[in-house]
Amino acid sequence: MDIPSVLARFNAIMKADTTTTILNLVLAVLVVFGVAFALLAMNRTRDFRQLNANAAIANSNLLRAQGLANDTAAFNATAKSPELTRILQSIQPKPAITK
């Protein structure tokens, strides 16, 4: 089926080989950038998931250590051991210095 020349008019710029080549190069560069950004996004997502799992493990260990310190302080309240008192004082958080 032929399209009459009256209905289909194309600009001369779209028929030029240099314009087509430039547009194809721009398209290729954009495709390469898209693939690179997709790979970066996958890598960052994997790192985030690993860091999130490590943070959960660290938080769990911190809660266990705090529970052990609380149990030791409760035991020291009844047994009154000077060694335990010294150890418990050494692990108390230091107050923040404010100016």
PDB file of N, CA and C in Angstrom:
ATOM      1  N   MET A   1       0.853  -1.178   0.000  1.00  0.00           N
ATOM      2  CA  MET A   1       0.000   0.000   0.000  1.00  0.00           C
ATOM      3  C   MET A   1       0.891   1.230   0.000  1.00  0.00           C
ATOM      4  N   ASP A   2       0.714   2.067  -0.925  1.00  0.00           N
ATOM      5  CA  ASP A   2       1.499   3.293  -1.039  1.00  0.00           C
ATOM      6  C   ASP A   2       0.784   4.420  -0.339  1.00  0.00           C
ATOM      7  N   ILE A   3       1.600   5.241   0.315  1.00  0.00           N
ATOM      8  CA  ILE A   3       1.052   6.438   0.956  1.00  0.00           C
ATOM      9  C   ILE A   3       1.266   7.598  -0.001  1.00  0.00           C
ATOM     10  N   PRO A   4       0.234   8.283  -0.303  1.00  0.00           N
ATOM     11  CA  PRO A   4       0.398   9.429  -1.212  1.00  0.00           C
ATOM     12  C   PRO A   4       1.329  10.464  -0.599  1.00  0.00           C
ATOM     13  N   SER A   5       2.059  11.142  -1.426  1.00  0.00           N
ATOM     14  CA  SER A   5       3.038  12.114  -0.932  1.00  0.00           C
ATOM     15  C   SER A   5       2.370  13.300  -0.251  1.00  0.00           C
ATOM     16  N   VAL A   6       1.091  13.489  -0.501  1.00  0.00           N
ATOM     17  CA  VAL A   6       0.387  14.599   0.126  1.00  0.00           C
ATOM     18  C   VAL A   6       0.161  14.313   1.613  1.00  0.00           C
ATOM     19  N   LEU A   7      -0.108  13.065   1.977  1.00  0.00           N
ATOM     20  CA  LEU A   7      -0.401  12.732   3.364  1.00  0.00           C
ATOM     21  C   LEU A   7       0.858  12.555   4.218  1.00  0.00           C
ATOM     22  N   ALA A   8       1.909  12.073   3.627  1.00  0.00           N
ATOM     23  CA  ALA A   8       3.125  11.794   4.392  1.00  0.00           C
ATOM     24  C   ALA A   8       4.245  12.694   3.937  1.00  0.00           C
ATOM     25  N   ARG A   9       4.507  13.724   4.717  1.00  0.00           N
ATOM     26  CA  ARG A   9       5.615  14.630   4.414  1.00  0.00           C
ATOM     27  C   ARG A   9       6.633  14.523   5.547  1.00  0.00           C
ATOM     28  N   PHE A  10       7.854  14.209   5.189  1.00  0.00           N
ATOM     29  CA  PHE A  10       8.922  14.082   6.172  1.00  0.00           C
ATOM     30  C   PHE A  10       9.890  15.240   5.992  1.00  0.00           C
ATOM     31  N   ASN A  11      10.418  15.688   7.089  1.00  0.00           N
ATOM     32  CA  ASN A  11      11.436  16.731   7.023  1.00  0.00           C
ATOM     33  C   ASN A  11      12.692  16.170   6.391  1.00  0.00           C
ATOM     34  N   ALA A  12      13.434  17.027   5.767  1.00  0.00           N
ATOM     35  CA  ALA A  12      14.695  16.598   5.163  1.00  0.00           C
ATOM     36  C   ALA A  12      15.713  16.238   6.239  1.00  0.00           C
ATOM     37  N   ILE A  13      15.580  16.823   7.437  1.00  0.00           N
ATOM     38  CA  ILE A  13      16.539  16.555   8.510  1.00  0.00           C
ATOM     39  C   ILE A  13      16.413  15.124   9.020  1.00  0.00           C
ATOM     40  N   MET A  14      15.231  14.555   8.983  1.00  0.00           N
ATOM     41  CA  MET A  14      15.060  13.192   9.458  1.00  0.00           C
ATOM     42  C   MET A  14      15.602  12.169   8.460  1.00  0.00           C
ATOM     43  N   LYS A  15      15.792  12.587   7.216  1.00  0.00           N
ATOM     44  CA  LYS A  15      16.305  11.663   6.221  1.00  0.00           C
ATOM     45  C   LYS A  15      17.828  11.698   6.138  1.00  0.00           C
ATOM     46  N   ALA A  16      18.441  12.665   6.801  1.00  0.00           N
ATOM     47  CA  ALA A  16      19.892  12.824   6.707  1.00  0.00           C
ATOM     48  C   ALA A  16      20.587  11.705   7.476  1.00  0.00           C
ATOM     49  N   ASP A  17      21.638  11.154   6.898  1.00  0.00           N
ATOM     50  CA  ASP A  17      22.378  10.070   7.542  1.00  0.00           C
ATOM     51  C   ASP A  17      23.122  10.545   8.780  1.00  0.00           C
ATOM     52  N   THR A  18      23.635  11.764   8.770  1.00  0.00           N
ATOM     53  CA  THR A  18      24.368  12.270   9.941  1.00  0.00           C
ATOM     54  C   THR A  18      23.437  12.448  11.133  1.00  0.00           C
ATOM     55  N   THR A  19      22.231  12.934  10.899  1.00  0.00           N
ATOM     56  CA  THR A  19      21.270  13.101  11.985  1.00  0.00           C
ATOM     57  C   THR A  19      20.886  11.738  12.565  1.00  0.00           C
ATOM     58  N   THR A  20      20.662  10.774  11.717  1.00  0.00           N
ATOM     59  CA  THR A  20      20.318   9.432  12.190  1.00  0.00           C
ATOM     60  C   THR A  20      21.459   8.833  12.987  1.00  0.00           C
ATOM     61  N   THR A  21      22.668   9.035  12.519  1.00  0.00           N
ATOM     62  CA  THR A  21      23.837   8.512  13.237  1.00  0.00           C
ATOM     63  C   THR A  21      23.974   9.166  14.606  1.00  0.00           C
ATOM     64  N   ILE A  22      23.811  10.459  14.668  1.00  0.00           N
ATOM     65  CA  ILE A  22      23.919  11.177  15.954  1.00  0.00           C
ATOM     66  C   ILE A  22      22.830  10.719  16.909  1.00  0.00           C
ATOM     67  N   LEU A  23      21.612  10.597  16.414  1.00  0.00           N
ATOM     68  CA  LEU A  23      20.518  10.155  17.282  1.00  0.00           C
ATOM     69  C   LEU A  23      20.726   8.716  17.761  1.00  0.00           C
ATOM     70  N   ASN A  24      21.263   7.862  16.899  1.00  0.00           N
ATOM     71  CA  ASN A  24      21.563   6.488  17.314  1.00  0.00           C
ATOM     72  C   ASN A  24      22.670   6.457  18.363  1.00  0.00           C
ATOM     73  N   LEU A  25      23.677   7.312  18.221  1.00  0.00           N
ATOM     74  CA  LEU A  25      24.739   7.384  19.229  1.00  0.00           C
ATOM     75  C   LEU A  25      24.195   7.884  20.569  1.00  0.00           C
ATOM     76  N   VAL A  26      23.327   8.879  20.513  1.00  0.00           N
ATOM     77  CA  VAL A  26      22.709   9.383  21.753  1.00  0.00           C
ATOM     78  C   VAL A  26      21.876   8.282  22.397  1.00  0.00           C
ATOM     79  N   LEU A  27      21.135   7.552  21.603  1.00  0.00           N
ATOM     80  CA  LEU A  27      20.340   6.440  22.127  1.00  0.00           C
ATOM     81  C   LEU A  27      21.231   5.375  22.749  1.00  0.00           C
ATOM     82  N   ALA A  28      22.344   5.050  22.105  1.00  0.00           N
ATOM     83  CA  ALA A  28      23.270   4.038  22.634  1.00  0.00           C
ATOM     84  C   ALA A  28      23.882   4.497  23.952  1.00  0.00           C
ATOM     85  N   VAL A  29      24.250   5.772  24.039  1.00  0.00           N
ATOM     86  CA  VAL A  29      24.812   6.298  25.295  1.00  0.00           C
ATOM     87  C   VAL A  29      23.769   6.232  26.399  1.00  0.00           C
ATOM     88  N   LEU A  30      22.545   6.576  26.106  1.00  0.00           N
ATOM     89  CA  LEU A  30      21.481   6.522  27.116  1.00  0.00           C
ATOM     90  C   LEU A  30      21.210   5.087  27.567  1.00  0.00           C
ATOM     91  N   VAL A  31      21.295   4.136  26.652  1.00  0.00           N
ATOM     92  CA  VAL A  31      21.110   2.723  27.015  1.00  0.00           C
ATOM     93  C   VAL A  31      22.235   2.268  27.930  1.00  0.00           C
ATOM     94  N   VAL A  32      23.473   2.660  27.619  1.00  0.00           N
ATOM     95  CA  VAL A  32      24.608   2.288  28.472  1.00  0.00           C
ATOM     96  C   VAL A  32      24.449   2.906  29.858  1.00  0.00           C
ATOM     97  N   PHE A  33      24.055   4.176  29.921  1.00  0.00           N
ATOM     98  CA  PHE A  33      23.815   4.806  31.220  1.00  0.00           C
ATOM     99  C   PHE A  33      22.698   4.095  31.985  1.00  0.00           C
ATOM    100  N   GLY A  34      21.653   3.704  31.311  1.00  0.00           N
ATOM    101  CA  GLY A  34      20.555   2.992  31.966  1.00  0.00           C
ATOM    102  C   GLY A  34      21.006   1.672  32.555  1.00  0.00           C
ATOM    103  N   VAL A  35      21.810   0.923  31.816  1.00  0.00           N
ATOM    104  CA  VAL A  35      22.321  -0.351  32.320  1.00  0.00           C
ATOM    105  C   VAL A  35      23.251  -0.120  33.505  1.00  0.00           C
ATOM    106  N   ALA A  36      24.123   0.897  33.410  1.00  0.00           N
ATOM    107  CA  ALA A  36      25.042   1.195  34.512  1.00  0.00           C
ATOM    108  C   ALA A  36      24.276   1.581  35.771  1.00  0.00           C
ATOM    109  N   PHE A  37      23.262   2.422  35.630  1.00  0.00           N
ATOM    110  CA  PHE A  37      22.479   2.824  36.800  1.00  0.00           C
ATOM    111  C   PHE A  37      21.690   1.658  37.383  1.00  0.00           C
ATOM    112  N   ALA A  38      21.226   0.763  36.548  1.00  0.00           N
ATOM    113  CA  ALA A  38      20.516  -0.423  37.047  1.00  0.00           C
ATOM    114  C   ALA A  38      21.464  -1.309  37.843  1.00  0.00           C
ATOM    115  N   LEU A  39      22.687  -1.491  37.349  1.00  0.00           N
ATOM    116  CA  LEU A  39      23.671  -2.288  38.090  1.00  0.00           C
ATOM    117  C   LEU A  39      24.036  -1.626  39.417  1.00  0.00           C
ATOM    118  N   LEU A  40      24.189  -0.315  39.407  1.00  0.00           N
ATOM    119  CA  LEU A  40      24.475   0.402  40.659  1.00  0.00           C
ATOM    120  C   LEU A  40      23.326   0.258  41.657  1.00  0.00           C
ATOM    121  N   ALA A  41      22.106   0.350  41.173  1.00  0.00           N
ATOM    122  CA  ALA A  41      20.950   0.206  42.060  1.00  0.00           C
ATOM    123  C   ALA A  41      20.891  -1.187  42.668  1.00  0.00           C
ATOM    124  N   MET A  42      21.186  -2.218  41.866  1.00  0.00           N
ATOM    125  CA  MET A  42      21.185  -3.582  42.405  1.00  0.00           C
ATOM    126  C   MET A  42      22.286  -3.756  43.440  1.00  0.00           C
ATOM    127  N   ASN A  43      23.453  -3.195  43.175  1.00  0.00           N
ATOM    128  CA  ASN A  43      24.565  -3.307  44.113  1.00  0.00           C
ATOM    129  C   ASN A  43      24.255  -2.593  45.423  1.00  0.00           C
ATOM    130  N   ARG A  44      23.706  -1.403  45.328  1.00  0.00           N
ATOM    131  CA  ARG A  44      23.379  -0.646  46.545  1.00  0.00           C
ATOM    132  C   ARG A  44      22.259  -1.318  47.335  1.00  0.00           C
ATOM    133  N   THR A  45      21.298  -1.926  46.653  1.00  0.00           N
ATOM    134  CA  THR A  45      20.228  -2.642  47.340  1.00  0.00           C
ATOM    135  C   THR A  45      20.787  -3.842  48.097  1.00  0.00           C
ATOM    136  N   ARG A  46      21.722  -4.565  47.467  1.00  0.00           N
ATOM    137  CA  ARG A  46      22.336  -5.718  48.124  1.00  0.00           C
ATOM    138  C   ARG A  46      23.137  -5.270  49.354  1.00  0.00           C
ATOM    139  N   ASP A  47      23.892  -4.166  49.215  1.00  0.00           N
ATOM    140  CA  ASP A  47      24.652  -3.640  50.353  1.00  0.00           C
ATOM    141  C   ASP A  47      23.725  -3.201  51.480  1.00  0.00           C
ATOM    142  N   PHE A  48      22.616  -2.551  51.121  1.00  0.00           N
ATOM    143  CA  PHE A  48      21.669  -2.093  52.135  1.00  0.00           C
ATOM    144  C   PHE A  48      21.069  -3.269  52.896  1.00  0.00           C
ATOM    145  N   ARG A  49      20.724  -4.318  52.182  1.00  0.00           N
ATOM    146  CA  ARG A  49      20.151  -5.488  52.855  1.00  0.00           C
ATOM    147  C   ARG A  49      21.153  -6.144  53.785  1.00  0.00           C
ATOM    148  N   GLN A  50      22.426  -6.206  53.360  1.00  0.00           N
ATOM    149  CA  GLN A  50      23.465  -6.787  54.207  1.00  0.00           C
ATOM    150  C   GLN A  50      23.693  -5.924  55.448  1.00  0.00           C
ATOM    151  N   LEU A  51      23.748  -4.620  55.266  1.00  0.00           N
ATOM    152  CA  LEU A  51      23.926  -3.723  56.410  1.00  0.00           C
ATOM    153  C   LEU A  51      22.731  -3.774  57.355  1.00  0.00           C
ATOM    154  N   ASN A  52      21.542  -3.928  56.799  1.00  0.00           N
ATOM    155  CA  ASN A  52      20.345  -4.016  57.626  1.00  0.00           C
ATOM    156  C   ASN A  52      20.370  -5.286  58.471  1.00  0.00           C
ATOM    157  N   ALA A  53      20.819  -6.401  57.893  1.00  0.00           N
ATOM    158  CA  ALA A  53      20.925  -7.649  58.645  1.00  0.00           C
ATOM    159  C   ALA A  53      21.998  -7.530  59.722  1.00  0.00           C
ATOM    160  N   ASN A  54      23.137  -6.902  59.383  1.00  0.00           N
ATOM    161  CA  ASN A  54      24.192  -6.711  60.380  1.00  0.00           C
ATOM    162  C   ASN A  54      23.729  -5.813  61.520  1.00  0.00           C
ATOM    163  N   ALA A  55      22.949  -4.790  61.215  1.00  0.00           N
ATOM    164  CA  ALA A  55      22.436  -3.897  62.245  1.00  0.00           C
ATOM    165  C   ALA A  55      21.474  -4.641  63.177  1.00  0.00           C
ATOM    166  N   ALA A  56      20.660  -5.516  62.626  1.00  0.00           N
ATOM    167  CA  ALA A  56      19.737  -6.295  63.459  1.00  0.00           C
ATOM    168  C   ALA A  56      20.509  -7.220  64.402  1.00  0.00           C
ATOM    169  N   ILE A  57      21.580  -7.843  63.909  1.00  0.00           N
ATOM    170  CA  ILE A  57      22.400  -8.717  64.756  1.00  0.00           C
ATOM    171  C   ILE A  57      23.088  -7.904  65.843  1.00  0.00           C
ATOM    172  N   ALA A  58      23.642  -6.744  65.486  1.00  0.00           N
ATOM    173  CA  ALA A  58      24.313  -5.889  66.463  1.00  0.00           C
ATOM    174  C   ALA A  58      23.325  -5.398  67.516  1.00  0.00           C
ATOM    175  N   ASN A  59      22.116  -5.055  67.117  1.00  0.00           N
ATOM    176  CA  ASN A  59      21.097  -4.597  68.064  1.00  0.00           C
ATOM    177  C   ASN A  59      20.709  -5.718  69.020  1.00  0.00           C
ATOM    178  N   SER A  60      20.603  -6.924  68.493  1.00  0.00           N
ATOM    179  CA  SER A  60      20.281  -8.068  69.340  1.00  0.00           C
ATOM    180  C   SER A  60      21.384  -8.314  70.363  1.00  0.00           C
ATOM    181  N   ASN A  61      22.636  -8.257  69.923  1.00  0.00           N
ATOM    182  CA  ASN A  61      23.756  -8.447  70.841  1.00  0.00           C
ATOM    183  C   ASN A  61      23.813  -7.344  71.901  1.00  0.00           C
ATOM    184  N   LEU A  62      23.505  -6.116  71.500  1.00  0.00           N
ATOM    185  CA  LEU A  62      23.487  -5.007  72.456  1.00  0.00           C
ATOM    186  C   LEU A  62      22.397  -5.205  73.502  1.00  0.00           C
ATOM    187  N   LEU A  63      21.219  -5.653  73.075  1.00  0.00           N
ATOM    188  CA  LEU A  63      20.137  -5.895  74.031  1.00  0.00           C
ATOM    189  C   LEU A  63      20.498  -7.014  75.001  1.00  0.00           C
ATOM    190  N   ARG A  64      21.179  -8.055  74.496  1.00  0.00           N
ATOM    191  CA  ARG A  64      21.628  -9.136  75.390  1.00  0.00           C
ATOM    192  C   ARG A  64      22.636  -8.637  76.408  1.00  0.00           C
ATOM    193  N   ALA A  65      23.583  -7.795  75.961  1.00  0.00           N
ATOM    194  CA  ALA A  65      24.595  -7.259  76.871  1.00  0.00           C
ATOM    195  C   ALA A  65      23.960  -6.345  77.913  1.00  0.00           C
ATOM    196  N   GLN A  66      22.977  -5.548  77.505  1.00  0.00           N
ATOM    197  CA  GLN A  66      22.291  -4.678  78.465  1.00  0.00           C
ATOM    198  C   GLN A  66      21.499  -5.503  79.473  1.00  0.00           C
ATOM    199  N   GLY A  67      20.876  -6.569  79.013  1.00  0.00           N
ATOM    200  CA  GLY A  67      20.148  -7.449  79.930  1.00  0.00           C
ATOM    201  C   GLY A  67      21.084  -8.106  80.929  1.00  0.00           C
ATOM    202  N   LEU A  68      22.248  -8.544  80.454  1.00  0.00           N
ATOM    203  CA  LEU A  68      23.235  -9.138  81.352  1.00  0.00           C
ATOM    204  C   LEU A  68      23.726  -8.113  82.364  1.00  0.00           C
ATOM    205  N   ALA A  69      23.968  -6.888  81.935  1.00  0.00           N
ATOM    206  CA  ALA A  69      24.399  -5.833  82.858  1.00  0.00           C
ATOM    207  C   ALA A  69      23.316  -5.532  83.888  1.00  0.00           C
ATOM    208  N   ASN A  70      22.061  -5.519  83.468  1.00  0.00           N
ATOM    209  CA  ASN A  70      20.962  -5.275  84.408  1.00  0.00           C
ATOM    210  C   ASN A  70      20.842  -6.413  85.413  1.00  0.00           C
ATOM    211  N   ASP A  71      20.976  -7.651  84.939  1.00  0.00           N
ATOM    212  CA  ASP A  71      20.923  -8.795  85.859  1.00  0.00           C
ATOM    213  C   ASP A  71      22.088  -8.772  86.842  1.00  0.00           C
ATOM    214  N   THR A  72      23.255  -8.384  86.367  1.00  0.00           N
ATOM    215  CA  THR A  72      24.421  -8.297  87.239  1.00  0.00           C
ATOM    216  C   THR A  72      24.232  -7.194  88.268  1.00  0.00           C
ATOM    217  N   ALA A  73      23.671  -6.055  87.871  1.00  0.00           N
ATOM    218  CA  ALA A  73      23.411  -4.967  88.818  1.00  0.00           C
ATOM    219  C   ALA A  73      22.381  -5.397  89.863  1.00  0.00           C
ATOM    220  N   ALA A  74      21.367  -6.148  89.445  1.00  0.00           N
ATOM    221  CA  ALA A  74      20.368  -6.637  90.402  1.00  0.00           C
ATOM    222  C   ALA A  74      21.003  -7.633  91.364  1.00  0.00           C
ATOM    223  N   PHE A  75      21.872  -8.499  90.880  1.00  0.00           N
ATOM    224  CA  PHE A  75      22.568  -9.444  91.759  1.00  0.00           C
ATOM    225  C   PHE A  75      23.497  -8.694  92.707  1.00  0.00           C
ATOM    226  N   ASN A  76      24.173  -7.669  92.218  1.00  0.00           N
ATOM    227  CA  ASN A  76      25.093  -6.903  93.052  1.00  0.00           C
ATOM    228  C   ASN A  76      24.346  -6.134  94.138  1.00  0.00           C
ATOM    229  N   ALA A  77      23.098  -5.793  93.880  1.00  0.00           N
ATOM    230  CA  ALA A  77      22.313  -5.087  94.897  1.00  0.00           C
ATOM    231  C   ALA A  77      22.070  -5.987  96.109  1.00  0.00           C
ATOM    232  N   THR A  78      21.996  -7.298  95.894  1.00  0.00           N
ATOM    233  CA  THR A  78      21.773  -8.216  97.024  1.00  0.00           C
ATOM    234  C   THR A  78      23.083  -8.763  97.583  1.00  0.00           C
ATOM    235  N   ALA A  79      24.098  -8.991  96.748  1.00  0.00           N
ATOM    236  CA  ALA A  79      25.339  -9.625  97.207  1.00  0.00           C
ATOM    237  C   ALA A  79      26.383  -8.609  97.648  1.00  0.00           C
ATOM    238  N   LYS A  80      26.373  -7.400  97.160  1.00  0.00           N
ATOM    239  CA  LYS A  80      27.301  -6.316  97.501  1.00  0.00           C
ATOM    240  C   LYS A  80      28.763  -6.745  97.358  1.00  0.00           C
ATOM    241  N   SER A  81      29.162  -7.077  96.158  1.00  0.00           N
ATOM    242  CA  SER A  81      30.545  -7.442  95.878  1.00  0.00           C
ATOM    243  C   SER A  81      31.299  -6.208  95.400  1.00  0.00           C
ATOM    244  N   PRO A  82      32.437  -5.850  96.030  1.00  0.00           N
ATOM    245  CA  PRO A  82      33.175  -4.659  95.596  1.00  0.00           C
ATOM    246  C   PRO A  82      33.756  -4.813  94.181  1.00  0.00           C
ATOM    247  N   GLU A  83      34.114  -6.034  93.792  1.00  0.00           N
ATOM    248  CA  GLU A  83      34.635  -6.245  92.445  1.00  0.00           C
ATOM    249  C   GLU A  83      33.552  -6.005  91.393  1.00  0.00           C
ATOM    250  N   LEU A  84      32.350  -6.523  91.679  1.00  0.00           N
ATOM    251  CA  LEU A  84      31.238  -6.296  90.740  1.00  0.00           C
ATOM    252  C   LEU A  84      30.868  -4.821  90.673  1.00  0.00           C
ATOM    253  N   THR A  85      30.909  -4.136  91.813  1.00  0.00           N
ATOM    254  CA  THR A  85      30.596  -2.707  91.832  1.00  0.00           C
ATOM    255  C   THR A  85      31.583  -1.938  90.971  1.00  0.00           C
ATOM    256  N   ARG A  86      32.869  -2.272  91.073  1.00  0.00           N
ATOM    257  CA  ARG A  86      33.901  -1.603  90.273  1.00  0.00           C
ATOM    258  C   ARG A  86      33.685  -1.889  88.784  1.00  0.00           C
ATOM    259  N   ILE A  87      33.365  -3.127  88.440  1.00  0.00           N
ATOM    260  CA  ILE A  87      33.132  -3.486  87.034  1.00  0.00           C
ATOM    261  C   ILE A  87      31.893  -2.781  86.488  1.00  0.00           C
ATOM    262  N   LEU A  88      30.825  -2.759  87.278  1.00  0.00           N
ATOM    263  CA  LEU A  88      29.592  -2.102  86.823  1.00  0.00           C
ATOM    264  C   LEU A  88      29.800  -0.598  86.653  1.00  0.00           C
ATOM    265  N   GLN A  89      30.615   0.019  87.524  1.00  0.00           N
ATOM    266  CA  GLN A  89      30.887   1.448  87.369  1.00  0.00           C
ATOM    267  C   GLN A  89      31.728   1.719  86.132  1.00  0.00           C
ATOM    268  N   SER A  90      32.602   0.783  85.768  1.00  0.00           N
ATOM    269  CA  SER A  90      33.449   1.005  84.589  1.00  0.00           C
ATOM    270  C   SER A  90      32.662   0.901  83.278  1.00  0.00           C
ATOM    271  N   ILE A  91      31.563   0.159  83.272  1.00  0.00           N
ATOM    272  CA  ILE A  91      30.805   0.026  82.021  1.00  0.00           C
ATOM    273  C   ILE A  91      29.640   1.006  81.944  1.00  0.00           C
ATOM    274  N   GLN A  92      29.458   1.838  82.961  1.00  0.00           N
ATOM    275  CA  GLN A  92      28.400   2.857  82.901  1.00  0.00           C
ATOM    276  C   GLN A  92      28.743   3.866  81.813  1.00  0.00           C
ATOM    277  N   PRO A  93      27.738   4.328  81.055  1.00  0.00           N
ATOM    278  CA  PRO A  93      28.033   5.330  80.008  1.00  0.00           C
ATOM    279  C   PRO A  93      28.491   6.643  80.627  1.00  0.00           C
ATOM    280  N   LYS A  94      29.448   7.268  79.962  1.00  0.00           N
ATOM    281  CA  LYS A  94      29.986   8.545  80.438  1.00  0.00           C
ATOM    282  C   LYS A  94      28.999   9.643  80.087  1.00  0.00           C
ATOM    283  N   PRO A  95      28.811  10.615  80.976  1.00  0.00           N
ATOM    284  CA  PRO A  95      27.899  11.740  80.641  1.00  0.00           C
ATOM    285  C   PRO A  95      28.487  12.585  79.510  1.00  0.00           C
ATOM    286  N   ALA A  96      27.613  13.095  78.697  1.00  0.00           N
ATOM    287  CA  ALA A  96      28.046  13.933  77.572  1.00  0.00           C
ATOM    288  C   ALA A  96      28.538  15.263  78.092  1.00  0.00           C
ATOM    289  N   ILE A  97      29.615  15.746  77.484  1.00  0.00           N
ATOM    290  CA  ILE A  97      30.167  17.052  77.875  1.00  0.00           C
ATOM    291  C   ILE A  97      29.439  18.132  77.097  1.00  0.00           C
ATOM    292  N   THR A  98      28.825  19.051  77.822  1.00  0.00           N
ATOM    293  CA  THR A  98      28.097  20.151  77.185  1.00  0.00           C
ATOM    294  C   THR A  98      28.801  21.444  77.501  1.00  0.00           C
ATOM    295  N   LYS A  99      28.816  22.329  76.541  1.00  0.00           N
ATOM    296  CA  LYS A  99      29.482  23.634  76.738  1.00  0.00           C
ATOM    297  C   LYS A  99      28.466  24.729  76.798  1.00  0.00           C
TER     298      LYS A  99
END
